Amino acid sequence: MVRVAARKGYEATTVAEVAAAADISRQRFHELFADKEACFLAAYDAAVDILLVYVTNTFESADGSWPDRIVASLRAGIGFLAAEADIARMAVVEVSAVGEDARIRYRQALMRFAPLLDQGRAASPQGHDLPPGTASFAIGAVTSMIFDEIRAGRATELPRILPKLAYSVLMPYLGPEAAEAEMARIEV
C-alpha cells in the first residue's frame, strides 16, 4: 500500500495493484483487510508508530538543553521521512485523500508529539504565560512546511529545511531572538 499509494496517489490505487505489489491474491488481501481504506489505515498507523518511537527515543536520549533535544528529534524525524520518501508521501500527503477517519487519525498522530514540545514551557522565560495550544501551533507550522516539501516531490531534501522547522518550534517558547540564535547554530 505504501509504495502504490505513494506512486499513484490513494484515489487511483486499486486493491488489485496493492495485492500484486504484495505478491498476494485479491482473495488473500480481503482476508487481511476489509477494503482499500482499511489497508491504507493499517499501513498509516504502522508508519506513524515507527516515526513516533524514532523521534521520541531521539528526544529522550539526546544530550543538552530542551532546544538541543528538539533539534535532534526534528533532525531524526525529517531524516526518517527523507530516507523513506514513499512513507512520507503516504503518511503526510495521501492521508488527506482517504476520508474523515484518516484525517482524524492524522490530527491525533500529530498531537502525540505535543508532550515533547510542552517540555519547552520549563525552558521558556514566559512558559507559565503560554497558551494551552502552543504545541499545536508549532506542530501545525512544522507539518505545513513538511507537507509542502513532500507534495512538491522534495521529500529527500527535507533536511535542508531543518533550521526553519526548528525556528517554528522554538520561537513560541524562547522568543524570536533566541530561536533565531538556535537556528543559526544548526548544521544542515
N, C-alpha and C. Protein backbone atom coordinates (compact mmCIF):
# COMPACT_ATOMS: atom_id res chain seq x y z
N MET A 1 0.83 -1.20 0.00
CA MET A 1 0.00 0.00 0.00
C MET A 1 0.86 1.25 0.00
N VAL A 2 1.90 1.24 0.83
CA VAL A 2 2.76 2.42 0.91
C VAL A 2 3.33 2.76 -0.46
N ARG A 3 3.90 1.79 -1.12
CA ARG A 3 4.58 2.04 -2.40
C ARG A 3 3.58 2.43 -3.50
N VAL A 4 2.47 1.72 -3.58
CA VAL A 4 1.49 2.02 -4.64
C VAL A 4 0.83 3.37 -4.40
N ALA A 5 0.40 3.64 -3.17
CA ALA A 5 -0.26 4.92 -2.88
C ALA A 5 0.70 6.09 -3.08
N ALA A 6 1.96 5.90 -2.75
CA ALA A 6 2.94 6.98 -2.95
C ALA A 6 3.16 7.25 -4.44
N ARG A 7 3.16 6.19 -5.22
CA ARG A 7 3.42 6.33 -6.66
C ARG A 7 2.21 6.86 -7.43
N LYS A 8 1.01 6.32 -7.13
CA LYS A 8 -0.18 6.64 -7.91
C LYS A 8 -1.13 7.61 -7.24
N GLY A 9 -1.00 7.76 -5.94
CA GLY A 9 -1.99 8.52 -5.17
C GLY A 9 -3.04 7.56 -4.64
N TYR A 10 -3.57 7.87 -3.48
CA TYR A 10 -4.53 6.96 -2.84
C TYR A 10 -5.75 6.72 -3.72
N GLU A 11 -6.32 7.78 -4.25
CA GLU A 11 -7.56 7.63 -5.02
C GLU A 11 -7.39 6.73 -6.23
N ALA A 12 -6.25 6.79 -6.90
CA ALA A 12 -6.02 5.98 -8.10
C ALA A 12 -5.55 4.56 -7.77
N THR A 13 -5.18 4.31 -6.54
CA THR A 13 -4.71 2.99 -6.13
C THR A 13 -5.87 2.00 -6.10
N THR A 14 -5.61 0.80 -6.60
CA THR A 14 -6.63 -0.25 -6.57
C THR A 14 -6.17 -1.41 -5.69
N VAL A 15 -7.13 -2.16 -5.21
CA VAL A 15 -6.83 -3.35 -4.42
C VAL A 15 -5.99 -4.32 -5.25
N ALA A 16 -6.33 -4.45 -6.51
CA ALA A 16 -5.58 -5.37 -7.38
C ALA A 16 -4.10 -4.98 -7.45
N GLU A 17 -3.82 -3.68 -7.54
CA GLU A 17 -2.41 -3.24 -7.60
C GLU A 17 -1.69 -3.49 -6.29
N VAL A 18 -2.37 -3.24 -5.20
CA VAL A 18 -1.75 -3.46 -3.88
C VAL A 18 -1.49 -4.95 -3.68
N ALA A 19 -2.45 -5.77 -4.03
CA ALA A 19 -2.28 -7.22 -3.90
C ALA A 19 -1.13 -7.70 -4.78
N ALA A 20 -1.06 -7.21 -6.00
CA ALA A 20 0.03 -7.60 -6.91
C ALA A 20 1.38 -7.16 -6.36
N ALA A 21 1.46 -5.94 -5.84
CA ALA A 21 2.72 -5.45 -5.28
C ALA A 21 3.14 -6.25 -4.06
N ALA A 22 2.17 -6.75 -3.31
CA ALA A 22 2.46 -7.57 -2.12
C ALA A 22 2.63 -9.04 -2.47
N ASP A 23 2.43 -9.36 -3.73
CA ASP A 23 2.53 -10.73 -4.23
C ASP A 23 1.57 -11.66 -3.49
N ILE A 24 0.32 -11.18 -3.36
CA ILE A 24 -0.75 -11.99 -2.77
C ILE A 24 -1.97 -11.90 -3.69
N SER A 25 -2.89 -12.80 -3.52
CA SER A 25 -4.12 -12.78 -4.32
C SER A 25 -5.07 -11.72 -3.75
N ARG A 26 -6.04 -11.33 -4.57
CA ARG A 26 -7.07 -10.41 -4.08
C ARG A 26 -7.86 -11.06 -2.95
N GLN A 27 -8.07 -12.37 -3.07
CA GLN A 27 -8.78 -13.09 -2.01
C GLN A 27 -8.02 -12.97 -0.69
N ARG A 28 -6.70 -13.17 -0.74
CA ARG A 28 -5.89 -13.05 0.49
C ARG A 28 -5.93 -11.63 1.01
N PHE A 29 -5.87 -10.65 0.11
CA PHE A 29 -5.98 -9.25 0.52
C PHE A 29 -7.25 -9.05 1.34
N HIS A 30 -8.38 -9.55 0.83
CA HIS A 30 -9.66 -9.34 1.52
C HIS A 30 -9.79 -10.18 2.78
N GLU A 31 -8.98 -11.19 2.94
CA GLU A 31 -8.92 -11.92 4.21
C GLU A 31 -8.21 -11.06 5.26
N LEU A 32 -7.28 -10.24 4.80
CA LEU A 32 -6.49 -9.40 5.71
C LEU A 32 -7.15 -8.04 5.99
N PHE A 33 -7.80 -7.48 4.96
CA PHE A 33 -8.36 -6.13 5.06
C PHE A 33 -9.77 -6.10 4.47
N ALA A 34 -10.63 -5.33 5.08
CA ALA A 34 -11.99 -5.19 4.57
C ALA A 34 -12.02 -4.50 3.21
N ASP A 35 -11.13 -3.52 3.04
CA ASP A 35 -11.12 -2.77 1.79
C ASP A 35 -9.81 -1.98 1.69
N LYS A 36 -9.71 -1.19 0.64
CA LYS A 36 -8.51 -0.39 0.39
C LYS A 36 -8.24 0.58 1.55
N GLU A 37 -9.29 1.20 2.06
CA GLU A 37 -9.11 2.16 3.15
C GLU A 37 -8.56 1.48 4.40
N ALA A 38 -9.06 0.31 4.75
CA ALA A 38 -8.58 -0.41 5.93
C ALA A 38 -7.10 -0.76 5.78
N CYS A 39 -6.70 -1.15 4.58
CA CYS A 39 -5.29 -1.45 4.33
C CYS A 39 -4.44 -0.18 4.47
N PHE A 40 -4.91 0.91 3.88
CA PHE A 40 -4.18 2.18 3.99
C PHE A 40 -4.02 2.59 5.45
N LEU A 41 -5.11 2.53 6.21
CA LEU A 41 -5.05 2.96 7.61
C LEU A 41 -4.12 2.08 8.43
N ALA A 42 -4.07 0.79 8.13
CA ALA A 42 -3.13 -0.10 8.84
C ALA A 42 -1.69 0.29 8.52
N ALA A 43 -1.42 0.57 7.25
CA ALA A 43 -0.07 0.99 6.86
C ALA A 43 0.26 2.34 7.48
N TYR A 44 -0.70 3.25 7.48
CA TYR A 44 -0.51 4.58 8.07
C TYR A 44 -0.20 4.47 9.56
N ASP A 45 -1.00 3.70 10.28
CA ASP A 45 -0.78 3.55 11.73
C ASP A 45 0.60 2.98 12.03
N ALA A 46 1.02 2.00 11.25
CA ALA A 46 2.35 1.40 11.46
C ALA A 46 3.45 2.42 11.20
N ALA A 47 3.32 3.19 10.14
CA ALA A 47 4.34 4.19 9.81
C ALA A 47 4.42 5.26 10.90
N VAL A 48 3.28 5.73 11.36
CA VAL A 48 3.27 6.77 12.40
C VAL A 48 3.86 6.24 13.71
N ASP A 49 3.52 5.01 14.06
CA ASP A 49 4.08 4.42 15.28
C ASP A 49 5.60 4.35 15.22
N ILE A 50 6.13 3.93 14.08
CA ILE A 50 7.58 3.85 13.91
C ILE A 50 8.21 5.24 14.02
N LEU A 51 7.63 6.21 13.33
CA LEU A 51 8.15 7.58 13.37
C LEU A 51 8.11 8.14 14.79
N LEU A 52 7.02 7.94 15.48
CA LEU A 52 6.89 8.46 16.85
C LEU A 52 7.93 7.84 17.77
N VAL A 53 8.13 6.55 17.69
CA VAL A 53 9.14 5.89 18.52
C VAL A 53 10.53 6.45 18.19
N TYR A 54 10.81 6.57 16.92
CA TYR A 54 12.12 7.07 16.48
C TYR A 54 12.38 8.49 17.00
N VAL A 55 11.40 9.37 16.81
CA VAL A 55 11.55 10.76 17.25
C VAL A 55 11.61 10.85 18.77
N THR A 56 10.75 10.14 19.45
CA THR A 56 10.72 10.18 20.92
C THR A 56 12.00 9.62 21.51
N ASN A 57 12.47 8.50 21.00
CA ASN A 57 13.73 7.93 21.50
C ASN A 57 14.89 8.89 21.28
N THR A 58 14.91 9.54 20.14
CA THR A 58 15.97 10.52 19.87
C THR A 58 15.88 11.67 20.87
N PHE A 59 14.69 12.19 21.09
CA PHE A 59 14.50 13.29 22.04
C PHE A 59 14.97 12.89 23.43
N GLU A 60 14.56 11.71 23.87
CA GLU A 60 14.89 11.27 25.23
C GLU A 60 16.35 10.94 25.42
N SER A 61 17.03 10.51 24.37
CA SER A 61 18.44 10.13 24.51
C SER A 61 19.41 11.25 24.15
N ALA A 62 18.90 12.33 23.59
CA ALA A 62 19.79 13.44 23.19
C ALA A 62 20.34 14.17 24.41
N ASP A 63 21.57 14.60 24.28
CA ASP A 63 22.19 15.41 25.32
C ASP A 63 21.85 16.88 25.10
N GLY A 64 21.97 17.63 26.17
CA GLY A 64 21.83 19.07 26.04
C GLY A 64 20.51 19.60 26.53
N SER A 65 20.29 20.84 26.18
CA SER A 65 19.11 21.57 26.62
C SER A 65 17.88 21.13 25.83
N TRP A 66 16.72 21.64 26.24
CA TRP A 66 15.49 21.33 25.51
C TRP A 66 15.61 21.73 24.04
N PRO A 67 16.11 22.91 23.69
CA PRO A 67 16.25 23.23 22.26
C PRO A 67 17.16 22.24 21.52
N ASP A 68 18.23 21.81 22.16
CA ASP A 68 19.12 20.83 21.52
C ASP A 68 18.38 19.51 21.27
N ARG A 69 17.58 19.11 22.22
CA ARG A 69 16.84 17.86 22.10
C ARG A 69 15.74 17.96 21.04
N ILE A 70 15.11 19.12 20.95
CA ILE A 70 14.10 19.35 19.90
C ILE A 70 14.75 19.28 18.53
N VAL A 71 15.88 19.95 18.37
CA VAL A 71 16.57 19.93 17.08
C VAL A 71 16.98 18.51 16.72
N ALA A 72 17.48 17.76 17.68
CA ALA A 72 17.87 16.37 17.43
C ALA A 72 16.66 15.54 17.00
N SER A 73 15.53 15.73 17.64
CA SER A 73 14.35 14.95 17.29
C SER A 73 13.77 15.38 15.94
N LEU A 74 13.81 16.68 15.64
CA LEU A 74 13.38 17.13 14.31
C LEU A 74 14.29 16.55 13.23
N ARG A 75 15.59 16.57 13.50
CA ARG A 75 16.56 16.01 12.54
C ARG A 75 16.27 14.52 12.30
N ALA A 76 15.98 13.81 13.37
CA ALA A 76 15.67 12.38 13.24
C ALA A 76 14.38 12.17 12.45
N GLY A 77 13.36 12.95 12.75
CA GLY A 77 12.08 12.79 12.07
C GLY A 77 12.16 13.08 10.58
N ILE A 78 12.78 14.20 10.23
CA ILE A 78 12.87 14.51 8.80
C ILE A 78 13.88 13.61 8.10
N GLY A 79 14.87 13.14 8.84
CA GLY A 79 15.81 12.17 8.26
C GLY A 79 15.09 10.88 7.91
N PHE A 80 14.22 10.43 8.79
CA PHE A 80 13.42 9.23 8.52
C PHE A 80 12.54 9.45 7.30
N LEU A 81 11.83 10.57 7.26
CA LEU A 81 10.93 10.85 6.13
C LEU A 81 11.71 11.01 4.83
N ALA A 82 12.89 11.61 4.89
CA ALA A 82 13.71 11.76 3.68
C ALA A 82 14.21 10.41 3.18
N ALA A 83 14.57 9.54 4.10
CA ALA A 83 15.07 8.21 3.72
C ALA A 83 13.94 7.30 3.22
N GLU A 84 12.75 7.56 3.67
CA GLU A 84 11.58 6.75 3.31
C GLU A 84 10.55 7.65 2.62
N ALA A 85 10.92 8.15 1.44
CA ALA A 85 10.08 9.12 0.72
C ALA A 85 8.68 8.57 0.42
N ASP A 86 8.56 7.27 0.16
CA ASP A 86 7.23 6.70 -0.09
C ASP A 86 6.37 6.74 1.17
N ILE A 87 6.97 6.42 2.30
CA ILE A 87 6.23 6.51 3.56
C ILE A 87 5.84 7.95 3.83
N ALA A 88 6.76 8.87 3.57
CA ALA A 88 6.48 10.30 3.79
C ALA A 88 5.29 10.74 2.95
N ARG A 89 5.29 10.38 1.68
CA ARG A 89 4.19 10.79 0.79
C ARG A 89 2.87 10.18 1.26
N MET A 90 2.89 8.89 1.59
CA MET A 90 1.68 8.22 2.02
C MET A 90 1.15 8.82 3.33
N ALA A 91 2.03 9.01 4.29
CA ALA A 91 1.61 9.41 5.63
C ALA A 91 1.36 10.90 5.80
N VAL A 92 1.93 11.72 4.94
CA VAL A 92 1.78 13.17 5.10
C VAL A 92 0.85 13.77 4.04
N VAL A 93 0.94 13.29 2.81
CA VAL A 93 0.16 13.88 1.72
C VAL A 93 -1.08 13.05 1.40
N GLU A 94 -0.90 11.77 1.11
CA GLU A 94 -2.01 10.94 0.65
C GLU A 94 -3.07 10.71 1.73
N VAL A 95 -2.69 10.80 2.98
CA VAL A 95 -3.64 10.57 4.06
C VAL A 95 -4.82 11.54 3.95
N SER A 96 -4.61 12.71 3.39
CA SER A 96 -5.70 13.68 3.28
C SER A 96 -6.75 13.27 2.25
N ALA A 97 -6.43 12.33 1.37
CA ALA A 97 -7.38 11.88 0.34
C ALA A 97 -8.23 10.71 0.79
N VAL A 98 -7.96 10.16 1.96
CA VAL A 98 -8.58 8.89 2.35
C VAL A 98 -9.99 9.08 2.91
N GLY A 99 -10.21 10.08 3.69
CA GLY A 99 -11.53 10.29 4.28
C GLY A 99 -11.42 10.82 5.69
N GLU A 100 -12.56 11.02 6.31
CA GLU A 100 -12.60 11.65 7.63
C GLU A 100 -11.88 10.84 8.70
N ASP A 101 -12.01 9.52 8.69
CA ASP A 101 -11.34 8.69 9.69
C ASP A 101 -9.83 8.89 9.61
N ALA A 102 -9.30 8.97 8.40
CA ALA A 102 -7.86 9.18 8.22
C ALA A 102 -7.45 10.57 8.69
N ARG A 103 -8.27 11.58 8.41
CA ARG A 103 -7.94 12.94 8.86
C ARG A 103 -7.94 13.03 10.38
N ILE A 104 -8.85 12.34 11.03
CA ILE A 104 -8.87 12.30 12.50
C ILE A 104 -7.60 11.63 13.02
N ARG A 105 -7.24 10.49 12.42
CA ARG A 105 -6.02 9.79 12.84
C ARG A 105 -4.80 10.66 12.63
N TYR A 106 -4.77 11.41 11.54
CA TYR A 106 -3.65 12.31 11.25
C TYR A 106 -3.51 13.36 12.36
N ARG A 107 -4.61 14.00 12.71
CA ARG A 107 -4.56 15.01 13.77
C ARG A 107 -4.14 14.39 15.11
N GLN A 108 -4.68 13.20 15.40
CA GLN A 108 -4.31 12.52 16.65
C GLN A 108 -2.83 12.14 16.64
N ALA A 109 -2.34 11.71 15.50
CA ALA A 109 -0.92 11.34 15.40
C ALA A 109 -0.04 12.55 15.66
N LEU A 110 -0.40 13.68 15.08
CA LEU A 110 0.41 14.89 15.29
C LEU A 110 0.44 15.29 16.76
N MET A 111 -0.67 15.15 17.43
CA MET A 111 -0.73 15.56 18.83
C MET A 111 0.06 14.62 19.74
N ARG A 112 0.45 13.46 19.24
CA ARG A 112 1.30 12.56 20.02
C ARG A 112 2.70 13.14 20.19
N PHE A 113 3.06 14.14 19.38
CA PHE A 113 4.35 14.80 19.51
C PHE A 113 4.31 15.98 20.50
N ALA A 114 3.12 16.40 20.88
CA ALA A 114 2.96 17.57 21.74
C ALA A 114 3.70 17.47 23.08
N PRO A 115 3.74 16.31 23.75
CA PRO A 115 4.45 16.26 25.03
C PRO A 115 5.92 16.66 24.93
N LEU A 116 6.55 16.37 23.80
CA LEU A 116 7.95 16.77 23.63
C LEU A 116 8.07 18.29 23.59
N LEU A 117 7.14 18.92 22.90
CA LEU A 117 7.16 20.38 22.79
C LEU A 117 6.76 21.04 24.11
N ASP A 118 5.79 20.44 24.78
CA ASP A 118 5.32 21.03 26.03
C ASP A 118 6.41 21.09 27.10
N GLN A 119 7.44 20.27 26.96
CA GLN A 119 8.56 20.37 27.90
C GLN A 119 9.29 21.71 27.74
N GLY A 120 9.04 22.39 26.64
CA GLY A 120 9.64 23.70 26.41
C GLY A 120 9.12 24.77 27.34
N ARG A 121 8.00 24.53 27.98
CA ARG A 121 7.48 25.52 28.94
C ARG A 121 8.49 25.77 30.05
N ALA A 122 9.19 24.72 30.47
CA ALA A 122 10.19 24.87 31.53
C ALA A 122 11.41 25.63 31.04
N ALA A 123 11.69 25.56 29.74
CA ALA A 123 12.84 26.25 29.16
C ALA A 123 12.51 27.68 28.76
N SER A 124 11.25 28.03 28.85
CA SER A 124 10.78 29.32 28.38
C SER A 124 10.71 30.35 29.49
N PRO A 125 11.23 31.55 29.24
CA PRO A 125 11.10 32.60 30.25
C PRO A 125 9.64 32.99 30.50
N GLN A 126 8.79 32.78 29.52
CA GLN A 126 7.37 33.08 29.67
C GLN A 126 6.52 31.81 29.66
N GLY A 127 7.11 30.68 30.06
CA GLY A 127 6.44 29.39 30.00
C GLY A 127 5.08 29.35 30.67
N HIS A 128 4.96 30.00 31.81
CA HIS A 128 3.68 29.99 32.53
C HIS A 128 2.61 30.82 31.83
N ASP A 129 3.01 31.71 30.92
CA ASP A 129 2.06 32.57 30.21
C ASP A 129 1.66 32.04 28.84
N LEU A 130 2.29 30.96 28.40
CA LEU A 130 1.99 30.44 27.07
C LEU A 130 0.59 29.84 27.03
N PRO A 131 -0.15 30.06 25.94
CA PRO A 131 -1.49 29.48 25.86
C PRO A 131 -1.43 27.96 25.77
N PRO A 132 -2.49 27.29 26.16
CA PRO A 132 -2.51 25.82 26.14
C PRO A 132 -2.23 25.22 24.77
N GLY A 133 -2.57 25.89 23.68
CA GLY A 133 -2.39 25.34 22.35
C GLY A 133 -1.05 25.61 21.71
N THR A 134 -0.06 26.05 22.47
CA THR A 134 1.23 26.41 21.90
C THR A 134 1.86 25.25 21.13
N ALA A 135 1.85 24.06 21.67
CA ALA A 135 2.43 22.91 20.97
C ALA A 135 1.68 22.65 19.67
N SER A 136 0.37 22.78 19.69
CA SER A 136 -0.43 22.57 18.48
C SER A 136 -0.06 23.57 17.40
N PHE A 137 0.15 24.82 17.79
CA PHE A 137 0.53 25.85 16.81
C PHE A 137 1.86 25.51 16.16
N ALA A 138 2.82 25.12 16.99
CA ALA A 138 4.16 24.79 16.49
C ALA A 138 4.11 23.55 15.59
N ILE A 139 3.36 22.56 16.00
CA ILE A 139 3.23 21.34 15.19
C ILE A 139 2.57 21.67 13.85
N GLY A 140 1.58 22.53 13.87
CA GLY A 140 0.92 22.94 12.63
C GLY A 140 1.89 23.61 11.66
N ALA A 141 2.73 24.47 12.17
CA ALA A 141 3.71 25.15 11.32
C ALA A 141 4.69 24.15 10.71
N VAL A 142 5.19 23.25 11.53
CA VAL A 142 6.15 22.26 11.06
C VAL A 142 5.53 21.34 10.02
N THR A 143 4.35 20.83 10.31
CA THR A 143 3.73 19.89 9.37
C THR A 143 3.35 20.57 8.07
N SER A 144 3.00 21.84 8.12
CA SER A 144 2.69 22.56 6.89
C SER A 144 3.91 22.65 5.98
N MET A 145 5.06 22.98 6.56
CA MET A 145 6.29 23.06 5.76
C MET A 145 6.69 21.69 5.21
N ILE A 146 6.58 20.67 6.05
CA ILE A 146 6.92 19.31 5.61
C ILE A 146 5.97 18.86 4.50
N PHE A 147 4.68 19.11 4.65
CA PHE A 147 3.70 18.76 3.63
C PHE A 147 4.06 19.41 2.30
N ASP A 148 4.35 20.70 2.32
CA ASP A 148 4.68 21.41 1.08
C ASP A 148 5.88 20.80 0.37
N GLU A 149 6.90 20.43 1.13
CA GLU A 149 8.11 19.85 0.54
C GLU A 149 7.82 18.47 -0.06
N ILE A 150 7.10 17.66 0.67
CA ILE A 150 6.80 16.31 0.19
C ILE A 150 5.88 16.37 -1.03
N ARG A 151 4.87 17.21 -0.95
CA ARG A 151 3.93 17.33 -2.08
C ARG A 151 4.64 17.81 -3.34
N ALA A 152 5.66 18.63 -3.17
CA ALA A 152 6.43 19.13 -4.31
C ALA A 152 7.46 18.12 -4.81
N GLY A 153 7.50 16.95 -4.18
CA GLY A 153 8.44 15.91 -4.61
C GLY A 153 9.83 16.07 -4.04
N ARG A 154 9.96 16.81 -2.95
CA ARG A 154 11.27 17.07 -2.35
C ARG A 154 11.44 16.40 -0.99
N ALA A 155 10.84 15.24 -0.81
CA ALA A 155 10.96 14.55 0.48
C ALA A 155 12.41 14.27 0.82
N THR A 156 13.20 13.86 -0.16
CA THR A 156 14.60 13.54 0.11
C THR A 156 15.42 14.77 0.49
N GLU A 157 14.86 15.95 0.25
CA GLU A 157 15.56 17.20 0.57
C GLU A 157 15.11 17.81 1.90
N LEU A 158 14.27 17.13 2.65
CA LEU A 158 13.75 17.67 3.90
C LEU A 158 14.83 18.18 4.86
N PRO A 159 15.98 17.52 4.97
CA PRO A 159 16.98 18.02 5.93
C PRO A 159 17.39 19.48 5.71
N ARG A 160 17.27 19.98 4.49
CA ARG A 160 17.68 21.37 4.25
C ARG A 160 16.76 22.39 4.93
N ILE A 161 15.53 21.99 5.29
CA ILE A 161 14.65 22.95 5.96
C ILE A 161 14.68 22.81 7.49
N LEU A 162 15.60 22.01 8.00
CA LEU A 162 15.70 21.83 9.45
C LEU A 162 15.78 23.15 10.22
N PRO A 163 16.60 24.11 9.80
CA PRO A 163 16.63 25.38 10.56
C PRO A 163 15.26 26.06 10.64
N LYS A 164 14.51 26.08 9.56
CA LYS A 164 13.18 26.70 9.57
C LYS A 164 12.22 25.93 10.48
N LEU A 165 12.31 24.61 10.44
CA LEU A 165 11.46 23.80 11.30
C LEU A 165 11.78 24.07 12.77
N ALA A 166 13.06 24.11 13.07
CA ALA A 166 13.48 24.37 14.46
C ALA A 166 12.99 25.74 14.92
N TYR A 167 13.14 26.73 14.07
CA TYR A 167 12.67 28.07 14.43
C TYR A 167 11.17 28.04 14.73
N SER A 168 10.40 27.35 13.90
CA SER A 168 8.95 27.29 14.09
C SER A 168 8.55 26.66 15.41
N VAL A 169 9.33 25.69 15.86
CA VAL A 169 9.04 25.04 17.14
C VAL A 169 9.55 25.87 18.31
N LEU A 170 10.74 26.39 18.18
CA LEU A 170 11.38 27.08 19.31
C LEU A 170 10.85 28.49 19.55
N MET A 171 10.47 29.19 18.50
CA MET A 171 10.08 30.59 18.63
C MET A 171 8.96 30.85 19.64
N PRO A 172 7.87 30.08 19.65
CA PRO A 172 6.83 30.38 20.64
C PRO A 172 7.31 30.21 22.08
N TYR A 173 8.28 29.34 22.29
CA TYR A 173 8.76 29.07 23.64
C TYR A 173 9.88 30.00 24.07
N LEU A 174 10.81 30.26 23.15
CA LEU A 174 12.01 31.01 23.50
C LEU A 174 11.97 32.46 23.07
N GLY A 175 11.05 32.80 22.17
CA GLY A 175 11.01 34.14 21.59
C GLY A 175 11.81 34.17 20.30
N PRO A 176 11.56 35.18 19.47
CA PRO A 176 12.18 35.21 18.14
C PRO A 176 13.71 35.31 18.15
N GLU A 177 14.28 36.11 19.03
CA GLU A 177 15.74 36.29 19.02
C GLU A 177 16.46 35.01 19.44
N ALA A 178 16.01 34.40 20.52
CA ALA A 178 16.66 33.17 20.99
C ALA A 178 16.45 32.03 19.98
N ALA A 179 15.27 31.96 19.39
CA ALA A 179 15.01 30.91 18.39
C ALA A 179 15.88 31.13 17.16
N GLU A 180 16.06 32.38 16.77
CA GLU A 180 16.94 32.66 15.62
C GLU A 180 18.38 32.29 15.93
N ALA A 181 18.81 32.55 17.15
CA ALA A 181 20.19 32.16 17.54
C ALA A 181 20.35 30.65 17.51
N GLU A 182 19.34 29.92 17.99
CA GLU A 182 19.39 28.46 17.93
C GLU A 182 19.42 27.99 16.48
N MET A 183 18.61 28.61 15.64
CA MET A 183 18.52 28.26 14.23
C MET A 183 19.88 28.45 13.54
N ALA A 184 20.58 29.50 13.90
CA ALA A 184 21.88 29.81 13.29
C ALA A 184 22.94 28.76 13.65
N ARG A 185 22.75 28.07 14.77
CA ARG A 185 23.71 27.06 15.21
C ARG A 185 23.56 25.71 14.47
N ILE A 186 22.46 25.54 13.79
CA ILE A 186 22.15 24.24 13.18
C ILE A 186 22.97 24.04 11.91
N GLU A 187 23.64 22.90 11.88
CA GLU A 187 24.36 22.49 10.66
C GLU A 187 23.45 21.57 9.86
N VAL A 188 23.31 21.88 8.59
CA VAL A 188 22.45 21.08 7.73
C VAL A 188 23.27 20.08 6.98
